[in-house]
Amino acid sequence: MARILIAEDDPQASEMIARICQFKGHEVEETRDAVQAFEAFQRTKPDLVITDLAMPLGGGQHLIREMRGTPEGSACPVIVITGYATLLGEREREDLQPCTILEKPLDLEPMLQALDFALAS
């Protein structure tokens, strides 16, 4: 069982992601903005972070930069979920590496594969 932090401001999307993770037997904490997510990250030391890019108070890219600035955050896998994947430029994609990027609306199979891959690495 892994500890997974979900940073998603859309309650329906967050609930769907949480249910998928819980179905796989994982413990989940849901947050709604980048500040709340970083506080939860520091407190819970999750095994995986799943974050939306477009969120209040800094967004997913800000959250990832803050996490990467900590010893435990540099090794924590991240799955980025966004409705704007096609709008990400090369530089934005490079800044998000080594994150897995999934596009909204989420399909179950790619989400399950990304979850298994992230937790296996």
N, C-alpha and C. Protein backbone atom coordinates (compact mmCIF):
# COMPACT_ATOMS: atom_id res chain seq x y z
N MET A 1 0.83 -1.18 0.00
CA MET A 1 0.00 0.00 0.00
C MET A 1 0.88 1.25 0.00
N ALA A 2 0.57 2.17 -0.89
CA ALA A 2 1.32 3.42 -0.99
C ALA A 2 0.49 4.58 -0.47
N ARG A 3 1.18 5.63 -0.04
CA ARG A 3 0.52 6.89 0.34
C ARG A 3 0.55 7.80 -0.88
N ILE A 4 -0.63 8.24 -1.31
CA ILE A 4 -0.73 9.06 -2.51
C ILE A 4 -1.38 10.39 -2.16
N LEU A 5 -0.74 11.47 -2.60
CA LEU A 5 -1.27 12.81 -2.43
C LEU A 5 -1.86 13.27 -3.76
N ILE A 6 -3.12 13.69 -3.72
CA ILE A 6 -3.79 14.20 -4.91
C ILE A 6 -3.98 15.70 -4.75
N ALA A 7 -3.49 16.46 -5.72
CA ALA A 7 -3.66 17.92 -5.74
C ALA A 7 -4.51 18.25 -6.96
N GLU A 8 -5.79 18.46 -6.74
CA GLU A 8 -6.75 18.68 -7.83
C GLU A 8 -7.87 19.57 -7.31
N ASP A 9 -8.10 20.70 -7.98
CA ASP A 9 -9.12 21.62 -7.50
C ASP A 9 -10.53 21.25 -7.93
N ASP A 10 -10.68 20.37 -8.89
CA ASP A 10 -12.00 19.91 -9.32
C ASP A 10 -12.41 18.72 -8.44
N PRO A 11 -13.42 18.89 -7.58
CA PRO A 11 -13.79 17.82 -6.66
C PRO A 11 -14.17 16.51 -7.35
N GLN A 12 -14.85 16.58 -8.49
CA GLN A 12 -15.24 15.35 -9.18
C GLN A 12 -14.03 14.62 -9.73
N ALA A 13 -13.09 15.35 -10.31
CA ALA A 13 -11.87 14.72 -10.84
C ALA A 13 -11.06 14.13 -9.69
N SER A 14 -10.95 14.87 -8.59
CA SER A 14 -10.19 14.39 -7.44
C SER A 14 -10.81 13.11 -6.88
N GLU A 15 -12.13 13.09 -6.78
CA GLU A 15 -12.81 11.91 -6.26
C GLU A 15 -12.59 10.70 -7.17
N MET A 16 -12.64 10.92 -8.48
CA MET A 16 -12.42 9.81 -9.42
C MET A 16 -11.00 9.26 -9.28
N ILE A 17 -10.01 10.14 -9.20
CA ILE A 17 -8.62 9.71 -9.05
C ILE A 17 -8.45 8.98 -7.72
N ALA A 18 -9.04 9.52 -6.67
CA ALA A 18 -8.94 8.89 -5.35
C ALA A 18 -9.54 7.49 -5.37
N ARG A 19 -10.69 7.33 -6.01
CA ARG A 19 -11.32 6.01 -6.07
C ARG A 19 -10.47 5.00 -6.82
N ILE A 20 -9.84 5.44 -7.89
CA ILE A 20 -8.95 4.55 -8.64
C ILE A 20 -7.80 4.10 -7.73
N CYS A 21 -7.20 5.05 -7.03
CA CYS A 21 -6.08 4.73 -6.14
C CYS A 21 -6.51 3.82 -5.00
N GLN A 22 -7.66 4.11 -4.42
CA GLN A 22 -8.16 3.29 -3.32
C GLN A 22 -8.53 1.89 -3.80
N PHE A 23 -9.07 1.79 -5.00
CA PHE A 23 -9.38 0.49 -5.58
C PHE A 23 -8.12 -0.38 -5.67
N LYS A 24 -6.99 0.27 -5.94
CA LYS A 24 -5.71 -0.44 -6.02
C LYS A 24 -5.11 -0.69 -4.63
N GLY A 25 -5.81 -0.24 -3.57
CA GLY A 25 -5.38 -0.51 -2.21
C GLY A 25 -4.51 0.55 -1.58
N HIS A 26 -4.46 1.73 -2.17
CA HIS A 26 -3.59 2.79 -1.67
C HIS A 26 -4.34 3.75 -0.74
N GLU A 27 -3.57 4.39 0.12
CA GLU A 27 -4.07 5.42 1.03
C GLU A 27 -3.98 6.76 0.31
N VAL A 28 -5.03 7.57 0.41
CA VAL A 28 -5.11 8.81 -0.37
C VAL A 28 -5.38 10.01 0.52
N GLU A 29 -4.73 11.13 0.19
CA GLU A 29 -5.08 12.43 0.78
C GLU A 29 -5.35 13.38 -0.37
N GLU A 30 -6.48 14.06 -0.31
CA GLU A 30 -6.87 14.99 -1.37
C GLU A 30 -6.67 16.43 -0.90
N THR A 31 -6.13 17.27 -1.80
CA THR A 31 -5.97 18.69 -1.54
C THR A 31 -6.50 19.46 -2.75
N ARG A 32 -6.79 20.76 -2.56
CA ARG A 32 -7.44 21.55 -3.61
C ARG A 32 -6.61 22.68 -4.20
N ASP A 33 -5.42 22.94 -3.65
CA ASP A 33 -4.56 23.98 -4.23
C ASP A 33 -3.10 23.65 -3.94
N ALA A 34 -2.20 24.39 -4.58
CA ALA A 34 -0.77 24.09 -4.48
C ALA A 34 -0.22 24.29 -3.07
N VAL A 35 -0.70 25.30 -2.36
CA VAL A 35 -0.20 25.56 -1.01
C VAL A 35 -0.62 24.44 -0.07
N GLN A 36 -1.90 24.09 -0.11
CA GLN A 36 -2.40 22.99 0.72
C GLN A 36 -1.69 21.69 0.38
N ALA A 37 -1.43 21.47 -0.90
CA ALA A 37 -0.76 20.24 -1.34
C ALA A 37 0.67 20.19 -0.81
N PHE A 38 1.40 21.30 -0.87
CA PHE A 38 2.78 21.28 -0.39
C PHE A 38 2.83 21.06 1.12
N GLU A 39 1.89 21.66 1.86
CA GLU A 39 1.82 21.42 3.30
C GLU A 39 1.56 19.94 3.59
N ALA A 40 0.64 19.34 2.83
CA ALA A 40 0.34 17.92 3.00
C ALA A 40 1.54 17.06 2.61
N PHE A 41 2.25 17.47 1.56
CA PHE A 41 3.46 16.75 1.13
C PHE A 41 4.49 16.71 2.26
N GLN A 42 4.73 17.85 2.87
CA GLN A 42 5.72 17.91 3.94
C GLN A 42 5.28 17.09 5.15
N ARG A 43 4.00 17.08 5.43
CA ARG A 43 3.47 16.37 6.60
C ARG A 43 3.42 14.86 6.39
N THR A 44 2.99 14.42 5.21
CA THR A 44 2.71 12.99 5.01
C THR A 44 3.82 12.22 4.30
N LYS A 45 4.73 12.91 3.64
CA LYS A 45 5.81 12.25 2.88
C LYS A 45 5.24 11.14 1.98
N PRO A 46 4.41 11.50 1.00
CA PRO A 46 3.76 10.49 0.17
C PRO A 46 4.74 9.74 -0.73
N ASP A 47 4.28 8.59 -1.20
CA ASP A 47 5.07 7.78 -2.14
C ASP A 47 4.86 8.24 -3.57
N LEU A 48 3.78 8.99 -3.80
CA LEU A 48 3.43 9.47 -5.15
C LEU A 48 2.57 10.71 -5.00
N VAL A 49 2.78 11.67 -5.90
CA VAL A 49 1.93 12.86 -5.98
C VAL A 49 1.27 12.87 -7.35
N ILE A 50 -0.04 13.08 -7.34
CA ILE A 50 -0.81 13.24 -8.58
C ILE A 50 -1.34 14.66 -8.54
N THR A 51 -0.97 15.48 -9.52
CA THR A 51 -1.34 16.89 -9.48
C THR A 51 -1.88 17.39 -10.81
N ASP A 52 -2.85 18.27 -10.71
CA ASP A 52 -3.34 19.04 -11.84
C ASP A 52 -2.35 20.18 -12.05
N LEU A 53 -2.26 20.70 -13.27
CA LEU A 53 -1.40 21.86 -13.49
C LEU A 53 -2.12 23.16 -13.16
N ALA A 54 -3.38 23.28 -13.56
CA ALA A 54 -4.13 24.51 -13.37
C ALA A 54 -4.92 24.43 -12.07
N MET A 55 -4.33 24.98 -11.01
CA MET A 55 -4.96 25.00 -9.69
C MET A 55 -4.73 26.37 -9.07
N PRO A 56 -5.53 26.71 -8.07
CA PRO A 56 -5.30 27.97 -7.35
C PRO A 56 -3.97 27.96 -6.58
N LEU A 57 -3.51 29.15 -6.29
CA LEU A 57 -2.34 29.38 -5.44
C LEU A 57 -1.06 28.75 -5.95
N GLY A 58 -0.80 28.91 -7.23
CA GLY A 58 0.48 28.49 -7.77
C GLY A 58 0.43 27.39 -8.80
N GLY A 59 -0.52 26.52 -8.74
CA GLY A 59 -0.65 25.45 -9.72
C GLY A 59 0.33 24.32 -9.51
N GLY A 60 0.18 23.31 -10.36
CA GLY A 60 0.98 22.10 -10.25
C GLY A 60 2.46 22.31 -10.50
N GLN A 61 2.80 23.20 -11.44
CA GLN A 61 4.22 23.44 -11.70
C GLN A 61 4.90 24.04 -10.48
N HIS A 62 4.20 24.94 -9.80
CA HIS A 62 4.75 25.53 -8.58
C HIS A 62 4.92 24.45 -7.51
N LEU A 63 3.92 23.61 -7.36
CA LEU A 63 4.00 22.51 -6.39
C LEU A 63 5.20 21.62 -6.67
N ILE A 64 5.38 21.25 -7.92
CA ILE A 64 6.50 20.36 -8.28
C ILE A 64 7.84 21.03 -7.99
N ARG A 65 7.98 22.32 -8.33
CA ARG A 65 9.23 23.04 -8.03
C ARG A 65 9.50 23.05 -6.53
N GLU A 66 8.46 23.32 -5.73
CA GLU A 66 8.63 23.34 -4.27
C GLU A 66 9.03 21.95 -3.76
N MET A 67 8.37 20.92 -4.26
CA MET A 67 8.71 19.56 -3.84
C MET A 67 10.14 19.21 -4.19
N ARG A 68 10.55 19.52 -5.42
CA ARG A 68 11.89 19.17 -5.90
C ARG A 68 12.98 19.88 -5.10
N GLY A 69 12.60 20.95 -4.40
CA GLY A 69 13.56 21.66 -3.57
C GLY A 69 13.77 21.03 -2.20
N THR A 70 13.12 19.90 -1.93
CA THR A 70 13.28 19.22 -0.66
C THR A 70 13.98 17.88 -0.91
N PRO A 71 14.68 17.34 0.10
CA PRO A 71 15.35 16.05 -0.09
C PRO A 71 14.38 14.92 -0.48
N GLU A 72 13.23 14.83 0.20
CA GLU A 72 12.29 13.76 -0.11
C GLU A 72 11.55 14.01 -1.43
N GLY A 73 11.40 15.25 -1.81
CA GLY A 73 10.69 15.59 -3.04
C GLY A 73 11.47 15.31 -4.31
N SER A 74 12.78 15.28 -4.21
CA SER A 74 13.58 15.04 -5.41
C SER A 74 13.41 13.62 -5.93
N ALA A 75 13.01 12.70 -5.06
CA ALA A 75 12.86 11.30 -5.47
C ALA A 75 11.40 10.86 -5.59
N CYS A 76 10.46 11.73 -5.24
CA CYS A 76 9.05 11.36 -5.25
C CYS A 76 8.49 11.40 -6.68
N PRO A 77 7.93 10.30 -7.16
CA PRO A 77 7.34 10.31 -8.50
C PRO A 77 6.09 11.20 -8.54
N VAL A 78 5.85 11.79 -9.71
CA VAL A 78 4.72 12.69 -9.90
C VAL A 78 4.00 12.33 -11.19
N ILE A 79 2.67 12.28 -11.10
CA ILE A 79 1.83 12.17 -12.28
C ILE A 79 1.12 13.50 -12.44
N VAL A 80 1.27 14.12 -13.59
CA VAL A 80 0.63 15.40 -13.88
C VAL A 80 -0.61 15.12 -14.73
N ILE A 81 -1.72 15.70 -14.31
CA ILE A 81 -2.97 15.55 -15.05
C ILE A 81 -3.40 16.94 -15.48
N THR A 82 -3.68 17.10 -16.77
CA THR A 82 -4.02 18.42 -17.26
C THR A 82 -4.94 18.34 -18.48
N GLY A 83 -5.77 19.32 -18.58
CA GLY A 83 -6.59 19.48 -19.78
C GLY A 83 -5.85 20.28 -20.83
N TYR A 84 -4.63 20.68 -20.54
CA TYR A 84 -3.85 21.55 -21.43
C TYR A 84 -2.59 20.89 -21.96
N ALA A 85 -2.55 19.57 -22.00
CA ALA A 85 -1.34 18.86 -22.43
C ALA A 85 -0.91 19.27 -23.83
N THR A 86 -1.87 19.48 -24.71
CA THR A 86 -1.52 19.84 -26.09
C THR A 86 -0.97 21.27 -26.18
N LEU A 87 -1.21 22.07 -25.15
CA LEU A 87 -0.72 23.45 -25.16
C LEU A 87 0.65 23.60 -24.50
N LEU A 88 1.13 22.54 -23.87
CA LEU A 88 2.44 22.61 -23.22
C LEU A 88 3.54 22.68 -24.27
N GLY A 89 4.39 23.66 -24.13
CA GLY A 89 5.53 23.77 -25.02
C GLY A 89 6.65 22.84 -24.60
N GLU A 90 7.68 22.80 -25.42
CA GLU A 90 8.83 21.94 -25.13
C GLU A 90 9.47 22.30 -23.79
N ARG A 91 9.59 23.59 -23.53
CA ARG A 91 10.21 24.04 -22.27
C ARG A 91 9.38 23.61 -21.06
N GLU A 92 8.05 23.77 -21.15
CA GLU A 92 7.20 23.36 -20.03
C GLU A 92 7.30 21.85 -19.80
N ARG A 93 7.33 21.09 -20.87
CA ARG A 93 7.46 19.63 -20.73
C ARG A 93 8.80 19.27 -20.09
N GLU A 94 9.87 19.95 -20.49
CA GLU A 94 11.18 19.70 -19.90
C GLU A 94 11.18 20.03 -18.41
N ASP A 95 10.51 21.13 -18.04
CA ASP A 95 10.44 21.53 -16.63
C ASP A 95 9.70 20.49 -15.79
N LEU A 96 8.78 19.75 -16.42
CA LEU A 96 7.99 18.76 -15.69
C LEU A 96 8.67 17.40 -15.59
N GLN A 97 9.75 17.20 -16.30
CA GLN A 97 10.42 15.89 -16.27
C GLN A 97 11.01 15.63 -14.90
N PRO A 98 10.97 14.42 -14.41
CA PRO A 98 10.57 13.18 -15.06
C PRO A 98 9.11 12.78 -14.80
N CYS A 99 8.20 13.71 -14.77
CA CYS A 99 6.79 13.42 -14.48
C CYS A 99 6.12 12.71 -15.65
N THR A 100 5.15 11.88 -15.33
CA THR A 100 4.25 11.32 -16.32
C THR A 100 3.14 12.33 -16.54
N ILE A 101 2.80 12.62 -17.79
CA ILE A 101 1.76 13.59 -18.10
C ILE A 101 0.57 12.87 -18.73
N LEU A 102 -0.60 13.03 -18.10
CA LEU A 102 -1.84 12.46 -18.62
C LEU A 102 -2.80 13.59 -18.95
N GLU A 103 -3.59 13.41 -19.99
CA GLU A 103 -4.52 14.45 -20.42
C GLU A 103 -5.92 14.16 -19.91
N LYS A 104 -6.60 15.24 -19.50
CA LYS A 104 -8.01 15.16 -19.14
C LYS A 104 -8.84 15.22 -20.41
N PRO A 105 -9.99 14.62 -20.44
CA PRO A 105 -10.54 13.77 -19.39
C PRO A 105 -9.75 12.46 -19.31
N LEU A 106 -9.63 11.96 -18.10
CA LEU A 106 -8.82 10.77 -17.85
C LEU A 106 -9.51 9.51 -18.36
N ASP A 107 -8.70 8.66 -18.95
CA ASP A 107 -9.15 7.31 -19.29
C ASP A 107 -8.60 6.37 -18.23
N LEU A 108 -9.37 5.38 -17.87
CA LEU A 108 -9.00 4.48 -16.78
C LEU A 108 -7.70 3.73 -17.04
N GLU A 109 -7.57 3.13 -18.20
CA GLU A 109 -6.40 2.28 -18.47
C GLU A 109 -5.08 3.05 -18.41
N PRO A 110 -4.95 4.21 -19.07
CA PRO A 110 -3.69 4.96 -18.94
C PRO A 110 -3.41 5.40 -17.50
N MET A 111 -4.48 5.72 -16.75
CA MET A 111 -4.29 6.11 -15.35
C MET A 111 -3.76 4.95 -14.52
N LEU A 112 -4.33 3.76 -14.71
CA LEU A 112 -3.85 2.57 -13.99
C LEU A 112 -2.41 2.25 -14.36
N GLN A 113 -2.07 2.36 -15.64
CA GLN A 113 -0.70 2.08 -16.08
C GLN A 113 0.27 3.09 -15.48
N ALA A 114 -0.10 4.37 -15.48
CA ALA A 114 0.78 5.41 -14.93
C ALA A 114 0.96 5.22 -13.42
N LEU A 115 -0.11 4.83 -12.75
CA LEU A 115 -0.05 4.59 -11.30
C LEU A 115 0.90 3.44 -10.99
N ASP A 116 0.74 2.32 -11.71
CA ASP A 116 1.62 1.16 -11.49
C ASP A 116 3.07 1.49 -11.82
N PHE A 117 3.30 2.19 -12.92
CA PHE A 117 4.65 2.55 -13.34
C PHE A 117 5.32 3.48 -12.30
N ALA A 118 4.58 4.49 -11.86
CA ALA A 118 5.15 5.46 -10.92
C ALA A 118 5.51 4.81 -9.59
N LEU A 119 4.68 3.89 -9.13
CA LEU A 119 4.94 3.25 -7.84
C LEU A 119 5.98 2.14 -7.94
N ALA A 120 6.22 1.65 -9.14
CA ALA A 120 7.24 0.61 -9.31
C ALA A 120 8.64 1.20 -9.42
N SER A 121 8.71 2.48 -9.78
CA SER A 121 10.04 3.11 -9.99
C SER A 121 10.62 3.65 -8.72
